[in-house]
Amino acid sequence: MIPITTPSDVLNARLSRFQKLLRNRGLDCAMIRTLSDFKYFTGTKWLRPALLIPSDGLF
């Protein structure tokens, strides 16, 4: 695992915007499975990334 280098406020803003898009499209959640998207939302590189982002609330 490579440590997070992106500030947490930037990561939180990205996730909040994405959750708003999910709600606007009537989706309950999204599964992130690509390394580039996983790193974009978490700031971490992972061998087999998987991230479930709900449209509302914490994850």
Protein backbone atom coordinates (compact mmCIF):
# COMPACT_ATOMS: atom_id res chain seq x y z
CA MET A 1 0.00 0.00 0.00
CA ILE A 2 1.26 3.47 -0.91
CA PRO A 3 0.43 6.18 1.65
CA ILE A 4 -2.13 8.91 1.04
CA THR A 5 -0.65 12.12 -0.34
CA THR A 6 -3.87 13.92 -1.26
CA PRO A 7 -5.27 16.16 1.51
CA SER A 8 -8.32 14.70 3.23
CA ASP A 9 -10.45 17.79 2.50
CA VAL A 10 -9.83 17.26 -1.24
CA LEU A 11 -10.78 13.58 -1.00
CA ASN A 12 -13.93 14.41 1.01
CA ALA A 13 -14.96 17.03 -1.57
CA ARG A 14 -14.53 14.51 -4.41
CA LEU A 15 -16.64 11.94 -2.59
CA SER A 16 -19.35 14.47 -1.73
CA ARG A 17 -19.62 15.61 -5.36
CA PHE A 18 -19.81 12.01 -6.53
CA GLN A 19 -22.51 11.18 -3.98
CA LYS A 20 -24.53 14.17 -5.20
CA LEU A 21 -24.25 12.88 -8.79
CA LEU A 22 -25.45 9.45 -7.65
CA ARG A 23 -28.49 10.96 -5.91
CA ASN A 24 -29.30 13.16 -8.92
CA ARG A 25 -29.35 10.06 -11.12
CA GLY A 26 -31.46 8.05 -8.69
CA LEU A 27 -28.71 5.55 -7.85
CA ASP A 28 -28.25 4.00 -4.42
CA CYS A 29 -24.52 3.39 -4.69
CA ALA A 30 -21.56 2.82 -7.01
CA MET A 31 -18.86 0.15 -6.94
CA ILE A 32 -15.39 1.45 -7.78
CA ARG A 33 -13.11 -1.28 -9.14
CA THR A 34 -10.44 0.47 -11.24
CA LEU A 35 -7.13 1.54 -9.72
CA SER A 36 -7.29 5.05 -11.17
CA ASP A 37 -10.76 5.73 -9.75
CA PHE A 38 -9.89 4.08 -6.42
CA LYS A 39 -6.81 6.29 -6.09
CA TYR A 40 -8.83 9.38 -7.09
CA PHE A 41 -11.37 8.80 -4.30
CA THR A 42 -9.05 7.40 -1.58
CA GLY A 43 -5.56 8.68 -2.39
CA THR A 44 -4.27 5.11 -1.99
CA LYS A 45 -2.93 2.57 -4.48
CA TRP A 46 -4.21 -0.94 -3.85
CA LEU A 47 -3.54 -4.18 -5.72
CA ARG A 48 -7.19 -5.22 -6.13
CA PRO A 49 -9.23 -2.12 -5.39
CA ALA A 50 -12.88 -2.26 -4.41
CA LEU A 51 -14.82 0.65 -2.96
CA LEU A 52 -18.58 0.86 -2.46
CA ILE A 53 -19.76 4.48 -2.35
CA PRO A 54 -23.32 5.00 -1.11
CA SER A 55 -25.35 7.89 -2.49
CA ASP A 56 -25.95 9.21 1.02
CA GLY A 57 -24.16 9.00 4.35
CA LEU A 58 -20.74 7.74 5.37
CA PHE A 59 -18.97 4.71 4.02
